[in-house]
Amino acid sequence: MINDTGLTTVHHPAEGKEVFNGLIQIDPTFGTFFSLIATTLRKSAIENPKLRLNESLRMHEDKDFIVKLSYHCNLKSGFIDKAVAIRTGHENNTFSSVQNRSKQYYINQEKLYNSLYSWAKEEKLPEDITEMFKLKGICAYISQKQGVAKYINYAFKALANPKLLKTRYQYFALKNRL
């Protein structure tokens, strides 16, 4: 997210659980871009066996890791008003190889949220957070579908998960067209 300084960063300083709540969008004012590029960690943080990159994710390994890191550690946003690193990409970068809002994009989103859902269940996170990851995964799954199949899948998923009907994610799933 580009903030009012023109930088890709979060919107305001935060620390501890505020960072976690911002990254998972419980606090939508925080922003979701928290990069590992200029992150400094204590050795003890990465020695935690619960903090590992999910190598089964082709994309979003960093997002998955940062969310888990923000839950287990006391992260603090650093300088958000000036650049501290330069981010570059290349044509073989997995991020630039997948078109935004394409079928592959939603497949990757589904994998990310399924990973976070499994982790949240294992860690016994609060039910509302666990449920949010589950619903986001379901919406990413529905977003991959086209035509009548999209609406049939939505109906079956909504019957099995009635909370889907009360979330903003349902609109996201149904709105997206491939």
N, C-alpha and C. Protein backbone atom coordinates (compact mmCIF):
# COMPACT_ATOMS: atom_id res chain seq x y z
N MET A 1 0.85 -1.17 0.00
CA MET A 1 0.00 0.00 0.00
C MET A 1 0.89 1.23 0.00
N ILE A 2 0.62 2.15 -0.87
CA ILE A 2 1.39 3.39 -0.93
C ILE A 2 0.71 4.39 0.00
N ASN A 3 1.48 4.90 0.97
CA ASN A 3 0.90 5.85 1.92
C ASN A 3 1.03 7.27 1.40
N ASP A 4 0.66 8.26 2.22
CA ASP A 4 0.66 9.65 1.75
C ASP A 4 2.06 10.23 1.51
N THR A 5 3.11 9.48 1.86
CA THR A 5 4.47 9.93 1.57
C THR A 5 4.95 9.39 0.23
N GLY A 6 4.13 8.54 -0.42
CA GLY A 6 4.53 7.93 -1.68
C GLY A 6 5.33 6.65 -1.49
N LEU A 7 5.47 6.20 -0.26
CA LEU A 7 6.23 4.98 0.03
C LEU A 7 5.29 3.79 0.16
N THR A 8 5.80 2.62 -0.18
CA THR A 8 5.05 1.39 0.01
C THR A 8 5.33 0.92 1.43
N THR A 9 4.38 1.16 2.32
CA THR A 9 4.57 0.84 3.73
C THR A 9 3.22 0.82 4.44
N VAL A 10 3.25 0.73 5.75
CA VAL A 10 2.01 0.79 6.53
C VAL A 10 1.62 2.26 6.70
N HIS A 11 0.41 2.50 7.23
CA HIS A 11 -0.11 3.86 7.31
C HIS A 11 0.23 4.61 8.59
N HIS A 12 0.49 3.89 9.66
CA HIS A 12 0.83 4.55 10.92
C HIS A 12 1.69 3.63 11.78
N PRO A 13 2.47 4.18 12.69
CA PRO A 13 3.31 3.35 13.55
C PRO A 13 2.45 2.42 14.42
N ALA A 14 2.98 1.24 14.69
CA ALA A 14 2.28 0.28 15.54
C ALA A 14 3.31 -0.66 16.16
N GLU A 15 2.88 -1.34 17.22
CA GLU A 15 3.78 -2.27 17.90
C GLU A 15 2.96 -3.42 18.49
N GLY A 16 3.60 -4.59 18.57
CA GLY A 16 2.98 -5.75 19.20
C GLY A 16 1.76 -6.25 18.46
N LYS A 17 0.69 -6.52 19.22
CA LYS A 17 -0.53 -7.07 18.63
C LYS A 17 -1.20 -6.10 17.66
N GLU A 18 -0.89 -4.80 17.77
CA GLU A 18 -1.41 -3.83 16.80
C GLU A 18 -0.92 -4.18 15.39
N VAL A 19 0.32 -4.62 15.29
CA VAL A 19 0.88 -5.00 13.98
C VAL A 19 0.15 -6.24 13.47
N PHE A 20 -0.01 -7.24 14.32
CA PHE A 20 -0.73 -8.46 13.93
C PHE A 20 -2.15 -8.11 13.46
N ASN A 21 -2.88 -7.34 14.27
CA ASN A 21 -4.25 -6.96 13.91
C ASN A 21 -4.31 -6.17 12.62
N GLY A 22 -3.30 -5.36 12.36
CA GLY A 22 -3.26 -4.61 11.12
C GLY A 22 -2.98 -5.50 9.92
N LEU A 23 -2.03 -6.41 10.06
CA LEU A 23 -1.66 -7.28 8.94
C LEU A 23 -2.78 -8.23 8.54
N ILE A 24 -3.60 -8.63 9.51
CA ILE A 24 -4.71 -9.52 9.15
C ILE A 24 -6.00 -8.74 8.90
N GLN A 25 -5.90 -7.43 8.89
CA GLN A 25 -6.97 -6.51 8.53
C GLN A 25 -8.11 -6.41 9.55
N ILE A 26 -7.83 -6.75 10.81
CA ILE A 26 -8.78 -6.44 11.87
C ILE A 26 -8.79 -4.93 12.05
N ASP A 27 -7.60 -4.33 11.92
CA ASP A 27 -7.48 -2.87 11.92
C ASP A 27 -7.15 -2.44 10.49
N PRO A 28 -8.15 -2.12 9.69
CA PRO A 28 -7.90 -1.78 8.29
C PRO A 28 -7.17 -0.45 8.10
N THR A 29 -7.03 0.36 9.14
CA THR A 29 -6.33 1.64 9.00
C THR A 29 -4.81 1.47 8.98
N PHE A 30 -4.32 0.31 9.41
CA PHE A 30 -2.88 0.08 9.51
C PHE A 30 -2.24 -0.14 8.14
N GLY A 31 -2.87 -0.87 7.28
CA GLY A 31 -2.26 -1.26 6.01
C GLY A 31 -1.72 -2.67 6.14
N THR A 32 -1.44 -3.30 5.02
CA THR A 32 -1.00 -4.70 5.07
C THR A 32 0.41 -4.91 4.56
N PHE A 33 1.09 -3.86 4.18
CA PHE A 33 2.43 -4.05 3.63
C PHE A 33 3.48 -3.86 4.71
N PHE A 34 4.02 -4.96 5.16
CA PHE A 34 5.06 -4.97 6.19
C PHE A 34 6.14 -5.89 5.61
N SER A 35 7.20 -5.32 5.11
CA SER A 35 8.19 -6.07 4.35
C SER A 35 9.29 -6.66 5.21
N LEU A 36 9.83 -7.77 4.75
CA LEU A 36 11.01 -8.37 5.39
C LEU A 36 12.31 -7.73 4.90
N ILE A 37 12.23 -6.88 3.89
CA ILE A 37 13.43 -6.32 3.27
C ILE A 37 14.34 -5.64 4.28
N ALA A 38 13.80 -4.83 5.14
CA ALA A 38 14.62 -4.09 6.10
C ALA A 38 14.26 -4.46 7.55
N THR A 39 13.78 -5.68 7.74
CA THR A 39 13.38 -6.12 9.08
C THR A 39 14.58 -6.66 9.84
N THR A 40 14.71 -6.25 11.07
CA THR A 40 15.76 -6.75 11.96
C THR A 40 15.10 -7.60 13.03
N LEU A 41 15.59 -8.83 13.18
CA LEU A 41 15.02 -9.75 14.16
C LEU A 41 16.10 -10.23 15.11
N ARG A 42 15.67 -10.58 16.30
CA ARG A 42 16.57 -11.24 17.23
C ARG A 42 16.70 -12.70 16.81
N LYS A 43 17.85 -13.27 17.08
CA LYS A 43 18.10 -14.66 16.74
C LYS A 43 17.06 -15.57 17.40
N SER A 44 16.67 -15.26 18.61
CA SER A 44 15.70 -16.09 19.33
C SER A 44 14.35 -16.15 18.60
N ALA A 45 14.01 -15.11 17.88
CA ALA A 45 12.73 -15.09 17.15
C ALA A 45 12.71 -16.14 16.05
N ILE A 46 13.79 -16.24 15.32
CA ILE A 46 13.80 -17.20 14.21
C ILE A 46 14.21 -18.61 14.65
N GLU A 47 14.64 -18.74 15.89
CA GLU A 47 14.91 -20.08 16.43
C GLU A 47 13.62 -20.77 16.87
N ASN A 48 12.54 -20.03 16.98
CA ASN A 48 11.25 -20.59 17.36
C ASN A 48 10.81 -21.58 16.28
N PRO A 49 10.61 -22.85 16.63
CA PRO A 49 10.24 -23.84 15.61
C PRO A 49 8.87 -23.58 14.96
N LYS A 50 8.05 -22.74 15.58
CA LYS A 50 6.74 -22.41 15.01
C LYS A 50 6.86 -21.38 13.90
N LEU A 51 8.03 -20.77 13.75
CA LEU A 51 8.22 -19.72 12.75
C LEU A 51 9.11 -20.24 11.62
N ARG A 52 8.49 -20.74 10.61
CA ARG A 52 9.19 -21.22 9.43
C ARG A 52 8.43 -20.77 8.19
N LEU A 53 9.18 -20.56 7.11
CA LEU A 53 8.52 -20.26 5.84
C LEU A 53 7.75 -21.50 5.40
N ASN A 54 6.57 -21.29 4.90
CA ASN A 54 5.77 -22.39 4.37
C ASN A 54 6.23 -22.63 2.94
N GLU A 55 7.07 -23.62 2.77
CA GLU A 55 7.67 -23.87 1.46
C GLU A 55 6.68 -24.42 0.44
N SER A 56 5.49 -24.79 0.88
CA SER A 56 4.49 -25.26 -0.08
C SER A 56 3.80 -24.10 -0.80
N LEU A 57 4.01 -22.88 -0.33
CA LEU A 57 3.43 -21.70 -0.98
C LEU A 57 4.39 -21.21 -2.06
N ARG A 58 3.92 -21.14 -3.28
CA ARG A 58 4.76 -20.61 -4.36
C ARG A 58 4.85 -19.09 -4.24
N MET A 59 3.75 -18.50 -3.84
CA MET A 59 3.69 -17.06 -3.59
C MET A 59 3.22 -16.86 -2.16
N HIS A 60 3.46 -15.70 -1.63
CA HIS A 60 2.96 -15.28 -0.32
C HIS A 60 3.65 -15.95 0.86
N GLU A 61 4.82 -16.59 0.63
CA GLU A 61 5.54 -17.17 1.76
C GLU A 61 5.87 -16.08 2.78
N ASP A 62 6.25 -14.91 2.26
CA ASP A 62 6.62 -13.80 3.15
C ASP A 62 5.41 -13.30 3.94
N LYS A 63 4.27 -13.15 3.30
CA LYS A 63 3.06 -12.70 3.99
C LYS A 63 2.67 -13.69 5.09
N ASP A 64 2.68 -14.96 4.75
CA ASP A 64 2.37 -16.02 5.70
C ASP A 64 3.34 -15.95 6.90
N PHE A 65 4.62 -15.80 6.62
CA PHE A 65 5.65 -15.74 7.66
C PHE A 65 5.49 -14.49 8.53
N ILE A 66 5.26 -13.35 7.91
CA ILE A 66 5.16 -12.09 8.66
C ILE A 66 3.93 -12.10 9.57
N VAL A 67 2.82 -12.65 9.12
CA VAL A 67 1.63 -12.73 9.97
C VAL A 67 1.94 -13.59 11.20
N LYS A 68 2.57 -14.74 10.97
CA LYS A 68 2.91 -15.63 12.09
C LYS A 68 3.95 -14.97 13.00
N LEU A 69 4.92 -14.30 12.40
CA LEU A 69 5.95 -13.60 13.16
C LEU A 69 5.33 -12.51 14.03
N SER A 70 4.37 -11.78 13.47
CA SER A 70 3.73 -10.69 14.22
C SER A 70 2.89 -11.22 15.38
N TYR A 71 2.43 -12.46 15.27
CA TYR A 71 1.67 -13.06 16.37
C TYR A 71 2.60 -13.52 17.49
N HIS A 72 3.72 -14.14 17.12
CA HIS A 72 4.63 -14.73 18.11
C HIS A 72 5.65 -13.74 18.68
N CYS A 73 5.92 -12.66 17.99
CA CYS A 73 6.96 -11.72 18.41
C CYS A 73 6.38 -10.32 18.55
N ASN A 74 7.11 -9.48 19.18
CA ASN A 74 6.70 -8.09 19.37
C ASN A 74 7.28 -7.24 18.23
N LEU A 75 6.62 -7.25 17.08
CA LEU A 75 7.09 -6.46 15.96
C LEU A 75 6.73 -4.99 16.16
N LYS A 76 7.55 -4.15 15.60
CA LYS A 76 7.32 -2.71 15.69
C LYS A 76 7.60 -2.12 14.31
N SER A 77 6.68 -1.28 13.84
CA SER A 77 6.95 -0.62 12.56
C SER A 77 8.11 0.35 12.78
N GLY A 78 8.95 0.42 11.81
CA GLY A 78 10.10 1.32 11.91
C GLY A 78 9.79 2.65 11.27
N PHE A 79 10.74 3.13 10.48
CA PHE A 79 10.53 4.39 9.77
C PHE A 79 9.50 4.18 8.67
N ILE A 80 8.43 4.93 8.71
CA ILE A 80 7.42 4.80 7.66
C ILE A 80 7.28 6.08 6.85
N ASP A 81 8.13 7.06 7.16
CA ASP A 81 8.06 8.33 6.44
C ASP A 81 9.25 8.56 5.52
N LYS A 82 10.19 7.60 5.48
CA LYS A 82 11.32 7.70 4.55
C LYS A 82 11.74 6.31 4.13
N ALA A 83 12.31 6.22 2.96
CA ALA A 83 12.73 4.93 2.42
C ALA A 83 13.94 4.40 3.19
N VAL A 84 13.90 3.12 3.53
CA VAL A 84 15.04 2.47 4.19
C VAL A 84 15.60 1.34 3.34
N ALA A 85 14.92 1.00 2.25
CA ALA A 85 15.38 -0.05 1.34
C ALA A 85 14.73 0.18 -0.02
N ILE A 86 15.34 -0.38 -1.02
CA ILE A 86 14.78 -0.31 -2.37
C ILE A 86 14.39 -1.73 -2.78
N ARG A 87 13.17 -1.86 -3.19
CA ARG A 87 12.64 -3.15 -3.61
C ARG A 87 12.70 -3.23 -5.12
N THR A 88 13.21 -4.32 -5.63
CA THR A 88 13.26 -4.51 -7.08
C THR A 88 12.66 -5.85 -7.45
N GLY A 89 12.39 -6.02 -8.69
CA GLY A 89 11.85 -7.28 -9.18
C GLY A 89 12.48 -7.60 -10.51
N HIS A 90 12.21 -8.77 -11.00
CA HIS A 90 12.72 -9.20 -12.30
C HIS A 90 11.64 -10.00 -13.00
N GLU A 91 11.84 -10.27 -14.29
CA GLU A 91 10.78 -10.92 -15.06
C GLU A 91 10.47 -12.34 -14.58
N ASN A 92 11.39 -12.98 -13.86
CA ASN A 92 11.14 -14.33 -13.35
C ASN A 92 10.63 -14.32 -11.91
N ASN A 93 10.39 -13.16 -11.37
CA ASN A 93 9.87 -13.03 -10.02
C ASN A 93 8.46 -13.63 -9.98
N THR A 94 8.17 -14.47 -8.98
CA THR A 94 6.85 -15.10 -8.93
C THR A 94 5.73 -14.09 -8.81
N PHE A 95 5.99 -12.98 -8.13
CA PHE A 95 4.95 -11.97 -7.95
C PHE A 95 4.58 -11.33 -9.28
N SER A 96 5.58 -10.99 -10.10
CA SER A 96 5.29 -10.32 -11.37
C SER A 96 4.84 -11.30 -12.46
N SER A 97 4.98 -12.61 -12.21
CA SER A 97 4.58 -13.58 -13.22
C SER A 97 3.10 -13.95 -13.14
N VAL A 98 2.41 -13.53 -12.09
CA VAL A 98 0.99 -13.84 -11.93
C VAL A 98 0.19 -12.54 -12.03
N GLN A 99 -0.70 -12.50 -12.99
CA GLN A 99 -1.51 -11.30 -13.19
C GLN A 99 -2.52 -11.14 -12.05
N ASN A 100 -2.63 -9.91 -11.56
CA ASN A 100 -3.55 -9.60 -10.49
C ASN A 100 -4.98 -9.95 -10.90
N ARG A 101 -5.72 -10.59 -10.01
CA ARG A 101 -7.11 -11.00 -10.21
C ARG A 101 -7.30 -12.05 -11.31
N SER A 102 -6.24 -12.80 -11.59
CA SER A 102 -6.34 -13.92 -12.53
C SER A 102 -6.69 -15.18 -11.74
N LYS A 103 -6.98 -16.26 -12.43
CA LYS A 103 -7.29 -17.52 -11.76
C LYS A 103 -6.11 -17.95 -10.88
N GLN A 104 -4.89 -17.84 -11.40
CA GLN A 104 -3.71 -18.24 -10.61
C GLN A 104 -3.55 -17.35 -9.37
N TYR A 105 -3.88 -16.09 -9.49
CA TYR A 105 -3.84 -15.18 -8.34
C TYR A 105 -4.74 -15.70 -7.23
N TYR A 106 -5.97 -16.09 -7.57
CA TYR A 106 -6.92 -16.57 -6.57
C TYR A 106 -6.52 -17.94 -6.03
N ILE A 107 -5.91 -18.77 -6.85
CA ILE A 107 -5.40 -20.05 -6.37
C ILE A 107 -4.34 -19.80 -5.30
N ASN A 108 -3.45 -18.85 -5.56
CA ASN A 108 -2.40 -18.52 -4.58
C ASN A 108 -2.99 -17.91 -3.31
N GLN A 109 -4.02 -17.06 -3.46
CA GLN A 109 -4.69 -16.48 -2.30
C GLN A 109 -5.34 -17.58 -1.45
N GLU A 110 -5.97 -18.53 -2.12
CA GLU A 110 -6.60 -19.65 -1.40
C GLU A 110 -5.55 -20.43 -0.61
N LYS A 111 -4.42 -20.70 -1.22
CA LYS A 111 -3.35 -21.43 -0.52
C LYS A 111 -2.85 -20.65 0.69
N LEU A 112 -2.67 -19.33 0.54
CA LEU A 112 -2.23 -18.49 1.65
C LEU A 112 -3.21 -18.57 2.81
N TYR A 113 -4.49 -18.34 2.54
CA TYR A 113 -5.47 -18.31 3.62
C TYR A 113 -5.73 -19.69 4.21
N ASN A 114 -5.60 -20.74 3.42
CA ASN A 114 -5.71 -22.09 3.97
C ASN A 114 -4.54 -22.38 4.91
N SER A 115 -3.35 -21.90 4.54
CA SER A 115 -2.17 -22.06 5.40
C SER A 115 -2.38 -21.31 6.72
N LEU A 116 -2.86 -20.07 6.64
CA LEU A 116 -3.09 -19.29 7.86
C LEU A 116 -4.23 -19.88 8.69
N TYR A 117 -5.23 -20.43 8.04
CA TYR A 117 -6.34 -21.07 8.76
C TYR A 117 -5.84 -22.29 9.53
N SER A 118 -5.05 -23.13 8.88
CA SER A 118 -4.49 -24.32 9.55
C SER A 118 -3.63 -23.91 10.73
N TRP A 119 -2.80 -22.91 10.51
CA TRP A 119 -1.93 -22.41 11.58
C TRP A 119 -2.75 -21.85 12.74
N ALA A 120 -3.79 -21.07 12.43
CA ALA A 120 -4.62 -20.46 13.47
C ALA A 120 -5.33 -21.53 14.30
N LYS A 121 -5.79 -22.60 13.66
CA LYS A 121 -6.42 -23.70 14.40
C LYS A 121 -5.40 -24.37 15.31
N GLU A 122 -4.23 -24.63 14.77
CA GLU A 122 -3.16 -25.29 15.53
C GLU A 122 -2.73 -24.45 16.74
N GLU A 123 -2.65 -23.14 16.54
CA GLU A 123 -2.24 -22.22 17.61
C GLU A 123 -3.37 -21.86 18.55
N LYS A 124 -4.59 -22.32 18.21
CA LYS A 124 -5.78 -22.00 19.01
C LYS A 124 -5.99 -20.49 19.14
N LEU A 125 -5.87 -19.80 18.01
CA LEU A 125 -6.15 -18.38 17.97
C LEU A 125 -7.65 -18.16 18.22
N PRO A 126 -8.04 -16.93 18.57
CA PRO A 126 -9.47 -16.66 18.80
C PRO A 126 -10.30 -17.10 17.58
N GLU A 127 -11.50 -17.55 17.87
CA GLU A 127 -12.37 -18.10 16.83
C GLU A 127 -12.64 -17.11 15.69
N ASP A 128 -12.80 -15.82 16.03
CA ASP A 128 -13.11 -14.85 14.97
C ASP A 128 -11.95 -14.71 13.98
N ILE A 129 -10.73 -14.82 14.45
CA ILE A 129 -9.56 -14.73 13.57
C ILE A 129 -9.45 -16.00 12.72
N THR A 130 -9.61 -17.15 13.36
CA THR A 130 -9.56 -18.43 12.64
C THR A 130 -10.64 -18.46 11.56
N GLU A 131 -11.83 -18.04 11.93
CA GLU A 131 -12.96 -18.02 10.99
C GLU A 131 -12.69 -17.06 9.82
N MET A 132 -12.06 -15.93 10.10
CA MET A 132 -11.76 -14.97 9.05
C MET A 132 -10.83 -15.58 7.99
N PHE A 133 -9.78 -16.29 8.45
CA PHE A 133 -8.87 -16.94 7.50
C PHE A 133 -9.62 -17.98 6.67
N LYS A 134 -10.49 -18.73 7.32
CA LYS A 134 -11.28 -19.75 6.62
C LYS A 134 -12.16 -19.11 5.55
N LEU A 135 -12.87 -18.04 5.92
CA LEU A 135 -13.78 -17.38 4.98
C LEU A 135 -13.02 -16.73 3.82
N LYS A 136 -11.86 -16.17 4.10
CA LYS A 136 -11.06 -15.58 3.01
C LYS A 136 -10.58 -16.67 2.05
N GLY A 137 -10.23 -17.84 2.59
CA GLY A 137 -9.84 -18.97 1.73
C GLY A 137 -11.00 -19.43 0.86
N ILE A 138 -12.18 -19.51 1.45
CA ILE A 138 -13.38 -19.90 0.70
C ILE A 138 -13.66 -18.90 -0.41
N CYS A 139 -13.55 -17.61 -0.11
CA CYS A 139 -13.82 -16.59 -1.12
C CYS A 139 -12.80 -16.64 -2.25
N ALA A 140 -11.55 -16.92 -1.92
CA ALA A 140 -10.54 -17.06 -2.97
C ALA A 140 -10.87 -18.26 -3.85
N TYR A 141 -11.36 -19.34 -3.25
CA TYR A 141 -11.76 -20.53 -4.00
C TYR A 141 -12.91 -20.18 -4.95
N ILE A 142 -13.92 -19.49 -4.44
CA ILE A 142 -15.08 -19.11 -5.26
C ILE A 142 -14.65 -18.17 -6.38
N SER A 143 -13.71 -17.28 -6.09
CA SER A 143 -13.25 -16.31 -7.09
C SER A 143 -12.59 -16.97 -8.30
N GLN A 144 -12.12 -18.18 -8.13
CA GLN A 144 -11.48 -18.90 -9.24
C GLN A 144 -12.49 -19.43 -10.24
N LYS A 145 -13.74 -19.51 -9.83
CA LYS A 145 -14.78 -20.11 -10.66
C LYS A 145 -15.37 -19.07 -11.61
N GLN A 146 -16.03 -19.58 -12.64
CA GLN A 146 -16.67 -18.70 -13.63
C GLN A 146 -18.12 -19.09 -13.84
N GLY A 147 -18.91 -18.12 -14.28
CA GLY A 147 -20.28 -18.38 -14.67
C GLY A 147 -21.14 -18.99 -13.57
N VAL A 148 -21.97 -19.94 -13.97
CA VAL A 148 -22.91 -20.58 -13.06
C VAL A 148 -22.17 -21.35 -11.96
N ALA A 149 -21.03 -21.93 -12.29
CA ALA A 149 -20.25 -22.69 -11.31
C ALA A 149 -19.87 -21.83 -10.11
N LYS A 150 -19.60 -20.55 -10.36
CA LYS A 150 -19.25 -19.64 -9.27
C LYS A 150 -20.42 -19.54 -8.28
N TYR A 151 -21.62 -19.36 -8.78
CA TYR A 151 -22.78 -19.17 -7.93
C TYR A 151 -23.22 -20.47 -7.25
N ILE A 152 -23.06 -21.59 -7.94
CA ILE A 152 -23.37 -22.88 -7.33
C ILE A 152 -22.38 -23.16 -6.19
N ASN A 153 -21.09 -22.93 -6.44
CA ASN A 153 -20.09 -23.12 -5.39
C ASN A 153 -20.35 -22.19 -4.22
N TYR A 154 -20.73 -20.97 -4.53
CA TYR A 154 -21.03 -20.01 -3.47
C TYR A 154 -22.21 -20.50 -2.61
N ALA A 155 -23.25 -20.99 -3.26
CA ALA A 155 -24.43 -21.46 -2.53
C ALA A 155 -24.06 -22.63 -1.61
N PHE A 156 -23.30 -23.59 -2.12
CA PHE A 156 -22.92 -24.74 -1.29
C PHE A 156 -22.01 -24.31 -0.14
N LYS A 157 -21.06 -23.44 -0.43
CA LYS A 157 -20.15 -22.97 0.63
C LYS A 157 -20.91 -22.16 1.67
N ALA A 158 -21.89 -21.37 1.25
CA ALA A 158 -22.68 -20.57 2.19
C ALA A 158 -23.57 -21.46 3.05
N LEU A 159 -24.09 -22.54 2.49
CA LEU A 159 -24.88 -23.49 3.30
C LEU A 159 -24.01 -24.14 4.37
N ALA A 160 -22.79 -24.49 4.01
CA ALA A 160 -21.87 -25.13 4.95
C ALA A 160 -21.25 -24.12 5.92
N ASN A 161 -21.18 -22.85 5.51
CA ASN A 161 -20.55 -21.79 6.31
C ASN A 161 -21.44 -20.55 6.31
N PRO A 162 -22.53 -20.56 7.07
CA PRO A 162 -23.49 -19.44 7.03
C PRO A 162 -22.88 -18.07 7.33
N LYS A 163 -21.77 -18.04 8.07
CA LYS A 163 -21.14 -16.74 8.37
C LYS A 163 -20.64 -16.05 7.11
N LEU A 164 -20.46 -16.82 6.05
CA LEU A 164 -20.04 -16.25 4.77
C LEU A 164 -21.04 -15.21 4.29
N LEU A 165 -22.31 -15.42 4.60
CA LEU A 165 -23.37 -14.51 4.17
C LEU A 165 -23.32 -13.16 4.87
N LYS A 166 -22.63 -13.09 6.00
CA LYS A 166 -22.58 -11.87 6.79
C LYS A 166 -21.26 -11.12 6.66
N THR A 167 -20.41 -11.54 5.74
CA THR A 167 -19.10 -10.90 5.63
C THR A 167 -18.98 -10.08 4.37
N ARG A 168 -17.99 -9.21 4.36
CA ARG A 168 -17.71 -8.43 3.15
C ARG A 168 -17.00 -9.28 2.11
N TYR A 169 -16.44 -10.42 2.51
CA TYR A 169 -15.69 -11.27 1.58
C TYR A 169 -16.59 -11.87 0.51
N GLN A 170 -17.88 -12.07 0.84
CA GLN A 170 -18.80 -12.65 -0.14
C GLN A 170 -18.88 -11.77 -1.39
N TYR A 171 -18.88 -10.46 -1.19
CA TYR A 171 -18.97 -9.54 -2.33
C TYR A 171 -17.71 -9.62 -3.17
N PHE A 172 -16.58 -9.76 -2.48
CA PHE A 172 -15.30 -9.90 -3.17
C PHE A 172 -15.30 -11.15 -4.05
N ALA A 173 -15.80 -12.26 -3.51
CA ALA A 173 -15.81 -13.52 -4.24
C ALA A 173 -16.72 -13.47 -5.46
N LEU A 174 -17.89 -12.87 -5.28
CA LEU A 174 -18.87 -12.85 -6.38
C LEU A 174 -18.57 -11.77 -7.41
N LYS A 175 -17.95 -10.70 -6.98
CA LYS A 175 -17.67 -9.58 -7.88
C LYS A 175 -16.59 -9.89 -8.90
N ASN A 176 -15.60 -10.64 -8.51
CA ASN A 176 -14.45 -10.87 -9.38
C ASN A 176 -14.80 -11.72 -10.58
N ARG A 177 -14.42 -11.25 -11.70
CA ARG A 177 -14.66 -11.94 -12.97
C ARG A 177 -13.32 -12.30 -13.60
N LEU A 178 -13.22 -13.52 -14.05
CA LEU A 178 -11.98 -13.95 -14.72
C LEU A 178 -12.07 -13.73 -16.21
